């Protein structure tokens, strides 16, 4: 972060289906030729929720997401 900004704590959310990287991946996967990129094999801890620091200002929202801790859902 370049300067002091107000933050808020948010939870990590699942990916959108319409982001550019997902569209590129789906286009590359389509058609003949099998799996084109490596599939991550490690399992994730599904009971842990990642808390992140996010800027309050909407202009900077996507720039700084810092993982601060993990907590149980509930």
PDB file of N, CA and C in Angstrom:
ATOM      1  N   UNK A   1       0.846  -1.188   0.000  1.00  0.00           N
ATOM      2  CA  UNK A   1       0.000   0.000   0.000  1.00  0.00           C
ATOM      3  C   UNK A   1       0.884   1.241   0.000  1.00  0.00           C
ATOM      4  N   UNK A   2       0.583   2.182  -0.857  1.00  0.00           N
ATOM      5  CA  UNK A   2       1.426   3.366  -0.979  1.00  0.00           C
ATOM      6  C   UNK A   2       1.152   4.405   0.098  1.00  0.00           C
ATOM      7  N   UNK A   3      -0.066   4.461   0.594  1.00  0.00           N
ATOM      8  CA  UNK A   3      -0.412   5.464   1.586  1.00  0.00           C
ATOM      9  C   UNK A   3      -1.428   4.885   2.559  1.00  0.00           C
ATOM     10  N   UNK A   4      -1.663   5.610   3.635  1.00  0.00           N
ATOM     11  CA  UNK A   4      -2.630   5.153   4.623  1.00  0.00           C
ATOM     12  C   UNK A   4      -4.037   5.243   4.049  1.00  0.00           C
ATOM     13  N   UNK A   5      -4.781   4.167   4.172  1.00  0.00           N
ATOM     14  CA  UNK A   5      -6.147   4.116   3.661  1.00  0.00           C
ATOM     15  C   UNK A   5      -7.014   3.424   4.703  1.00  0.00           C
ATOM     16  N   UNK A   6      -8.274   3.817   4.800  1.00  0.00           N
ATOM     17  CA  UNK A   6      -9.175   3.054   5.677  1.00  0.00           C
ATOM     18  C   UNK A   6      -9.477   1.684   5.081  1.00  0.00           C
ATOM     19  N   UNK A   7      -9.534   0.670   5.938  1.00  0.00           N
ATOM     20  CA  UNK A   7      -9.788  -0.697   5.496  1.00  0.00           C
ATOM     21  C   UNK A   7     -11.023  -1.250   6.194  1.00  0.00           C
ATOM     22  N   UNK A   8     -11.531  -2.335   5.670  1.00  0.00           N
ATOM     23  CA  UNK A   8     -12.561  -3.099   6.357  1.00  0.00           C
ATOM     24  C   UNK A   8     -12.215  -4.571   6.200  1.00  0.00           C
ATOM     25  N   UNK A   9     -12.752  -5.399   7.070  1.00  0.00           N
ATOM     26  CA  UNK A   9     -12.477  -6.831   7.026  1.00  0.00           C
ATOM     27  C   UNK A   9     -13.578  -7.512   6.228  1.00  0.00           C
ATOM     28  N   UNK A  10     -13.180  -8.299   5.218  1.00  0.00           N
ATOM     29  CA  UNK A  10     -14.150  -9.034   4.413  1.00  0.00           C
ATOM     30  C   UNK A  10     -13.761 -10.501   4.391  1.00  0.00           C
ATOM     31  N   UNK A  11     -14.673 -11.326   3.925  1.00  0.00           N
ATOM     32  CA  UNK A  11     -14.387 -12.750   3.771  1.00  0.00           C
ATOM     33  C   UNK A  11     -13.985 -13.029   2.348  1.00  0.00           C
ATOM     34  N   UNK A  12     -13.144 -14.041   2.170  1.00  0.00           N
ATOM     35  CA  UNK A  12     -12.733 -14.468   0.846  1.00  0.00           C
ATOM     36  C   UNK A  12     -13.934 -15.060   0.123  1.00  0.00           C
ATOM     37  N   UNK A  13     -14.150 -14.637  -1.123  1.00  0.00           N
ATOM     38  CA  UNK A  13     -15.311 -15.108  -1.866  1.00  0.00           C
ATOM     39  C   UNK A  13     -14.879 -15.962  -3.049  1.00  0.00           C
ATOM     40  N   UNK A  14     -15.781 -16.792  -3.538  1.00  0.00           N
ATOM     41  CA  UNK A  14     -15.487 -17.664  -4.677  1.00  0.00           C
ATOM     42  C   UNK A  14     -15.351 -16.843  -5.955  1.00  0.00           C
ATOM     43  N   UNK A  15     -14.672 -17.426  -6.949  1.00  0.00           N
ATOM     44  CA  UNK A  15     -14.442 -16.743  -8.216  1.00  0.00           C
ATOM     45  C   UNK A  15     -15.733 -16.482  -8.967  1.00  0.00           C
ATOM     46  N   UNK A  16     -15.695 -15.437  -9.784  1.00  0.00           N
ATOM     47  CA  UNK A  16     -16.780 -15.178 -10.727  1.00  0.00           C
ATOM     48  C   UNK A  16     -16.536 -16.020 -11.980  1.00  0.00           C
ATOM     49  N   UNK A  17     -17.588 -16.379 -12.673  1.00  0.00           N
ATOM     50  CA  UNK A  17     -17.446 -17.174 -13.893  1.00  0.00           C
ATOM     51  C   UNK A  17     -17.130 -16.318 -15.113  1.00  0.00           C
ATOM     52  N   UNK A  18     -17.119 -14.997 -14.950  1.00  0.00           N
ATOM     53  CA  UNK A  18     -16.980 -14.118 -16.104  1.00  0.00           C
ATOM     54  C   UNK A  18     -15.691 -13.307 -16.092  1.00  0.00           C
ATOM     55  N   UNK A  19     -14.748 -13.625 -15.224  1.00  0.00           N
ATOM     56  CA  UNK A  19     -13.488 -12.894 -15.211  1.00  0.00           C
ATOM     57  C   UNK A  19     -12.654 -13.287 -16.426  1.00  0.00           C
ATOM     58  N   UNK A  20     -11.708 -12.422 -16.810  1.00  0.00           N
ATOM     59  CA  UNK A  20     -10.995 -12.609 -18.070  1.00  0.00           C
ATOM     60  C   UNK A  20     -10.180 -13.899 -18.097  1.00  0.00           C
ATOM     61  N   UNK A  21      -9.500 -14.207 -16.986  1.00  0.00           N
ATOM     62  CA  UNK A  21      -8.688 -15.415 -16.957  1.00  0.00           C
ATOM     63  C   UNK A  21      -9.511 -16.678 -17.117  1.00  0.00           C
ATOM     64  N   UNK A  22     -10.695 -16.701 -16.523  1.00  0.00           N
ATOM     65  CA  UNK A  22     -11.584 -17.856 -16.647  1.00  0.00           C
ATOM     66  C   UNK A  22     -12.067 -18.013 -18.083  1.00  0.00           C
ATOM     67  N   UNK A  23     -12.339 -16.900 -18.746  1.00  0.00           N
ATOM     68  CA  UNK A  23     -12.774 -16.950 -20.142  1.00  0.00           C
ATOM     69  C   UNK A  23     -11.654 -17.476 -21.041  1.00  0.00           C
ATOM     70  N   UNK A  24     -10.413 -17.032 -20.782  1.00  0.00           N
ATOM     71  CA  UNK A  24      -9.267 -17.527 -21.551  1.00  0.00           C
ATOM     72  C   UNK A  24      -9.093 -19.025 -21.344  1.00  0.00           C
ATOM     73  N   UNK A  25      -9.200 -19.460 -20.084  1.00  0.00           N
ATOM     74  CA  UNK A  25      -9.027 -20.873 -19.753  1.00  0.00           C
ATOM     75  C   UNK A  25     -10.101 -21.726 -20.414  1.00  0.00           C
ATOM     76  N   UNK A  26     -11.352 -21.287 -20.351  1.00  0.00           N
ATOM     77  CA  UNK A  26     -12.447 -22.044 -20.958  1.00  0.00           C
ATOM     78  C   UNK A  26     -12.286 -22.138 -22.469  1.00  0.00           C
ATOM     79  N   UNK A  27     -11.826 -21.055 -23.083  1.00  0.00           N
ATOM     80  CA  UNK A  27     -11.607 -21.052 -24.532  1.00  0.00           C
ATOM     81  C   UNK A  27     -10.489 -22.031 -24.900  1.00  0.00           C
ATOM     82  N   UNK A  28      -9.428 -22.053 -24.096  1.00  0.00           N
ATOM     83  CA  UNK A  28      -8.298 -22.939 -24.358  1.00  0.00           C
ATOM     84  C   UNK A  28      -8.687 -24.400 -24.146  1.00  0.00           C
ATOM     85  N   UNK A  29      -9.544 -24.665 -23.153  1.00  0.00           N
ATOM     86  CA  UNK A  29      -9.959 -26.022 -22.834  1.00  0.00           C
ATOM     87  C   UNK A  29     -10.923 -26.603 -23.866  1.00  0.00           C
ATOM     88  N   UNK A  30     -11.683 -25.730 -24.527  1.00  0.00           N
ATOM     89  CA  UNK A  30     -12.736 -26.226 -25.410  1.00  0.00           C
ATOM     90  C   UNK A  30     -12.135 -26.918 -26.625  1.00  0.00           C
ATOM     91  N   UNK A  31     -12.857 -27.883 -27.137  1.00  0.00           N
ATOM     92  CA  UNK A  31     -12.404 -28.576 -28.341  1.00  0.00           C
ATOM     93  C   UNK A  31     -11.518 -29.764 -28.023  1.00  0.00           C
ATOM     94  N   UNK A  32     -10.817 -30.214 -29.041  1.00  0.00           N
ATOM     95  CA  UNK A  32      -9.999 -31.416 -28.955  1.00  0.00           C
ATOM     96  C   UNK A  32      -8.632 -31.080 -28.374  1.00  0.00           C
ATOM     97  N   UNK A  33      -8.080 -31.980 -27.554  1.00  0.00           N
ATOM     98  CA  UNK A  33      -6.717 -31.759 -27.083  1.00  0.00           C
ATOM     99  C   UNK A  33      -6.504 -32.021 -25.609  1.00  0.00           C
ATOM    100  N   UNK A  34      -7.554 -32.370 -24.878  1.00  0.00           N
ATOM    101  CA  UNK A  34      -7.364 -32.759 -23.484  1.00  0.00           C
ATOM    102  C   UNK A  34      -7.094 -31.589 -22.552  1.00  0.00           C
ATOM    103  N   UNK A  35      -6.595 -31.934 -21.373  1.00  0.00           N
ATOM    104  CA  UNK A  35      -6.319 -30.934 -20.342  1.00  0.00           C
ATOM    105  C   UNK A  35      -5.121 -30.097 -20.752  1.00  0.00           C
ATOM    106  N   UNK A  36      -5.263 -28.763 -20.735  1.00  0.00           N
ATOM    107  CA  UNK A  36      -4.200 -27.894 -21.241  1.00  0.00           C
ATOM    108  C   UNK A  36      -3.356 -27.273 -20.144  1.00  0.00           C
ATOM    109  N   UNK A  37      -3.854 -27.249 -18.916  1.00  0.00           N
ATOM    110  CA  UNK A  37      -3.095 -26.645 -17.822  1.00  0.00           C
ATOM    111  C   UNK A  37      -3.089 -27.596 -16.631  1.00  0.00           C
ATOM    112  N   UNK A  38      -2.085 -27.487 -15.761  1.00  0.00           N
ATOM    113  CA  UNK A  38      -2.040 -28.380 -14.608  1.00  0.00           C
ATOM    114  C   UNK A  38      -3.210 -28.136 -13.649  1.00  0.00           C
ATOM    115  N   UNK A  39      -3.702 -29.203 -13.048  1.00  0.00           N
ATOM    116  CA  UNK A  39      -4.777 -29.116 -12.063  1.00  0.00           C
ATOM    117  C   UNK A  39      -4.149 -29.242 -10.682  1.00  0.00           C
ATOM    118  N   UNK A  40      -4.448 -28.279  -9.806  1.00  0.00           N
ATOM    119  CA  UNK A  40      -3.883 -28.257  -8.459  1.00  0.00           C
ATOM    120  C   UNK A  40      -4.453 -29.418  -7.662  1.00  0.00           C
ATOM    121  N   UNK A  41      -3.592 -30.296  -7.133  1.00  0.00           N
ATOM    122  CA  UNK A  41      -4.045 -31.546  -6.534  1.00  0.00           C
ATOM    123  C   UNK A  41      -4.205 -31.495  -5.016  1.00  0.00           C
ATOM    124  N   UNK A  42      -3.599 -30.493  -4.357  1.00  0.00           N
ATOM    125  CA  UNK A  42      -3.694 -30.459  -2.898  1.00  0.00           C
ATOM    126  C   UNK A  42      -5.106 -30.117  -2.454  1.00  0.00           C
ATOM    127  N   UNK A  43      -5.538 -30.732  -1.367  1.00  0.00           N
ATOM    128  CA  UNK A  43      -6.875 -30.422  -0.872  1.00  0.00           C
ATOM    129  C   UNK A  43      -6.848 -29.122  -0.070  1.00  0.00           C
ATOM    130  N   UNK A  44      -7.983 -28.463   0.012  1.00  0.00           N
ATOM    131  CA  UNK A  44      -8.077 -27.239   0.792  1.00  0.00           C
ATOM    132  C   UNK A  44      -8.815 -27.534   2.087  1.00  0.00           C
ATOM    133  N   UNK A  45      -8.576 -26.702   3.067  1.00  0.00           N
ATOM    134  CA  UNK A  45      -9.265 -26.852   4.340  1.00  0.00           C
ATOM    135  C   UNK A  45     -10.601 -26.133   4.226  1.00  0.00           C
ATOM    136  N   UNK A  46     -11.661 -26.898   4.117  1.00  0.00           N
ATOM    137  CA  UNK A  46     -12.970 -26.315   3.832  1.00  0.00           C
ATOM    138  C   UNK A  46     -13.616 -25.683   5.055  1.00  0.00           C
ATOM    139  N   UNK A  47     -13.114 -25.987   6.247  1.00  0.00           N
ATOM    140  CA  UNK A  47     -13.734 -25.421   7.443  1.00  0.00           C
ATOM    141  C   UNK A  47     -13.119 -24.083   7.813  1.00  0.00           C
ATOM    142  N   UNK A  48     -12.062 -23.672   7.135  1.00  0.00           N
ATOM    143  CA  UNK A  48     -11.397 -22.421   7.470  1.00  0.00           C
ATOM    144  C   UNK A  48     -11.825 -21.338   6.485  1.00  0.00           C
ATOM    145  N   UNK A  49     -12.120 -20.152   6.979  1.00  0.00           N
ATOM    146  CA  UNK A  49     -12.525 -19.020   6.161  1.00  0.00           C
ATOM    147  C   UNK A  49     -11.414 -17.977   6.215  1.00  0.00           C
ATOM    148  N   UNK A  50     -11.001 -17.470   5.071  1.00  0.00           N
ATOM    149  CA  UNK A  50      -9.942 -16.471   5.021  1.00  0.00           C
ATOM    150  C   UNK A  50     -10.551 -15.091   5.220  1.00  0.00           C
ATOM    151  N   UNK A  51     -10.009 -14.335   6.168  1.00  0.00           N
ATOM    152  CA  UNK A  51     -10.411 -12.947   6.373  1.00  0.00           C
ATOM    153  C   UNK A  51      -9.403 -12.052   5.676  1.00  0.00           C
ATOM    154  N   UNK A  52      -9.886 -11.028   4.980  1.00  0.00           N
ATOM    155  CA  UNK A  52      -8.977 -10.180   4.224  1.00  0.00           C
ATOM    156  C   UNK A  52      -9.216  -8.718   4.572  1.00  0.00           C
ATOM    157  N   UNK A  53      -8.144  -7.933   4.498  1.00  0.00           N
ATOM    158  CA  UNK A  53      -8.263  -6.490   4.634  1.00  0.00           C
ATOM    159  C   UNK A  53      -8.527  -5.911   3.256  1.00  0.00           C
ATOM    160  N   UNK A  54      -9.558  -5.119   3.134  1.00  0.00           N
ATOM    161  CA  UNK A  54      -9.920  -4.558   1.833  1.00  0.00           C
ATOM    162  C   UNK A  54     -10.095  -3.053   1.988  1.00  0.00           C
ATOM    163  N   UNK A  55      -9.680  -2.304   0.974  1.00  0.00           N
ATOM    164  CA  UNK A  55      -9.856  -0.859   1.012  1.00  0.00           C
ATOM    165  C   UNK A  55     -11.331  -0.496   1.024  1.00  0.00           C
ATOM    166  N   UNK A  56     -11.676   0.574   1.726  1.00  0.00           N
ATOM    167  CA  UNK A  56     -13.049   1.061   1.728  1.00  0.00           C
ATOM    168  C   UNK A  56     -13.328   1.848   0.448  1.00  0.00           C
ATOM    169  N   UNK A  57     -12.317   2.597  -0.038  1.00  0.00           N
ATOM    170  CA  UNK A  57     -12.467   3.411  -1.249  1.00  0.00           C
ATOM    171  C   UNK A  57     -12.678   2.519  -2.468  1.00  0.00           C
ATOM    172  N   UNK A  58     -13.765   2.695  -3.222  1.00  0.00           N
ATOM    173  CA  UNK A  58     -14.039   1.791  -4.353  1.00  0.00           C
ATOM    174  C   UNK A  58     -13.013   1.866  -5.481  1.00  0.00           C
ATOM    175  N   UNK A  59     -12.288   2.986  -5.597  1.00  0.00           N
ATOM    176  CA  UNK A  59     -11.281   3.096  -6.659  1.00  0.00           C
ATOM    177  C   UNK A  59     -10.096   2.174  -6.426  1.00  0.00           C
ATOM    178  N   UNK A  60      -9.825   1.847  -5.177  1.00  0.00           N
ATOM    179  CA  UNK A  60      -8.672   1.024  -4.838  1.00  0.00           C
ATOM    180  C   UNK A  60      -9.067  -0.375  -4.414  1.00  0.00           C
ATOM    181  N   UNK A  61     -10.347  -0.741  -4.543  1.00  0.00           N
ATOM    182  CA  UNK A  61     -10.844  -1.967  -3.935  1.00  0.00           C
ATOM    183  C   UNK A  61     -10.109  -3.205  -4.423  1.00  0.00           C
ATOM    184  N   UNK A  62      -9.834  -3.307  -5.719  1.00  0.00           N
ATOM    185  CA  UNK A  62      -9.228  -4.524  -6.257  1.00  0.00           C
ATOM    186  C   UNK A  62      -7.725  -4.564  -6.037  1.00  0.00           C
ATOM    187  N   UNK A  63      -7.104  -3.427  -5.653  1.00  0.00           N
ATOM    188  CA  UNK A  63      -5.651  -3.375  -5.575  1.00  0.00           C
ATOM    189  C   UNK A  63      -5.096  -4.112  -4.372  1.00  0.00           C
ATOM    190  N   UNK A  64      -5.669  -3.876  -3.184  1.00  0.00           N
ATOM    191  CA  UNK A  64      -5.034  -4.417  -1.997  1.00  0.00           C
ATOM    192  C   UNK A  64      -5.925  -5.332  -1.210  1.00  0.00           C
ATOM    193  N   UNK A  65      -5.714  -6.629  -1.346  1.00  0.00           N
ATOM    194  CA  UNK A  65      -6.424  -7.584  -0.511  1.00  0.00           C
ATOM    195  C   UNK A  65      -5.361  -8.351   0.249  1.00  0.00           C
ATOM    196  N   UNK A  66      -5.243  -8.121   1.527  1.00  0.00           N
ATOM    197  CA  UNK A  66      -4.220  -8.754   2.335  1.00  0.00           C
ATOM    198  C   UNK A  66      -4.890  -9.786   3.228  1.00  0.00           C
ATOM    199  N   UNK A  67      -4.420 -11.026   3.170  1.00  0.00           N
ATOM    200  CA  UNK A  67      -4.967 -12.065   4.035  1.00  0.00           C
ATOM    201  C   UNK A  67      -4.433 -11.850   5.442  1.00  0.00           C
ATOM    202  N   UNK A  68      -5.314 -11.671   6.408  1.00  0.00           N
ATOM    203  CA  UNK A  68      -4.845 -11.421   7.764  1.00  0.00           C
ATOM    204  C   UNK A  68      -4.912 -12.652   8.649  1.00  0.00           C
ATOM    205  N   UNK A  69      -5.981 -13.426   8.581  1.00  0.00           N
ATOM    206  CA  UNK A  69      -6.055 -14.635   9.403  1.00  0.00           C
ATOM    207  C   UNK A  69      -7.142 -15.539   8.857  1.00  0.00           C
ATOM    208  N   UNK A  70      -7.207 -16.744   9.399  1.00  0.00           N
ATOM    209  CA  UNK A  70      -8.268 -17.670   9.033  1.00  0.00           C
ATOM    210  C   UNK A  70      -9.106 -17.947  10.264  1.00  0.00           C
ATOM    211  N   UNK A  71     -10.396 -18.142  10.059  1.00  0.00           N
ATOM    212  CA  UNK A  71     -11.283 -18.393  11.189  1.00  0.00           C
ATOM    213  C   UNK A  71     -12.280 -19.469  10.815  1.00  0.00           C
ATOM    214  N   UNK A  72     -12.878 -20.059  11.810  1.00  0.00           N
ATOM    215  CA  UNK A  72     -13.943 -21.032  11.576  1.00  0.00           C
ATOM    216  C   UNK A  72     -15.194 -20.297  11.135  1.00  0.00           C
ATOM    217  N   UNK A  73     -15.952 -20.922  10.263  1.00  0.00           N
ATOM    218  CA  UNK A  73     -17.194 -20.308   9.807  1.00  0.00           C
ATOM    219  C   UNK A  73     -18.246 -20.443  10.896  1.00  0.00           C
ATOM    220  N   UNK A  74     -19.050 -19.400  11.056  1.00  0.00           N
ATOM    221  CA  UNK A  74     -20.111 -19.533  12.023  1.00  0.00           C
ATOM    222  C   UNK A  74     -20.516 -18.253  12.669  1.00  0.00           C
TER     223      UNK A  74
END
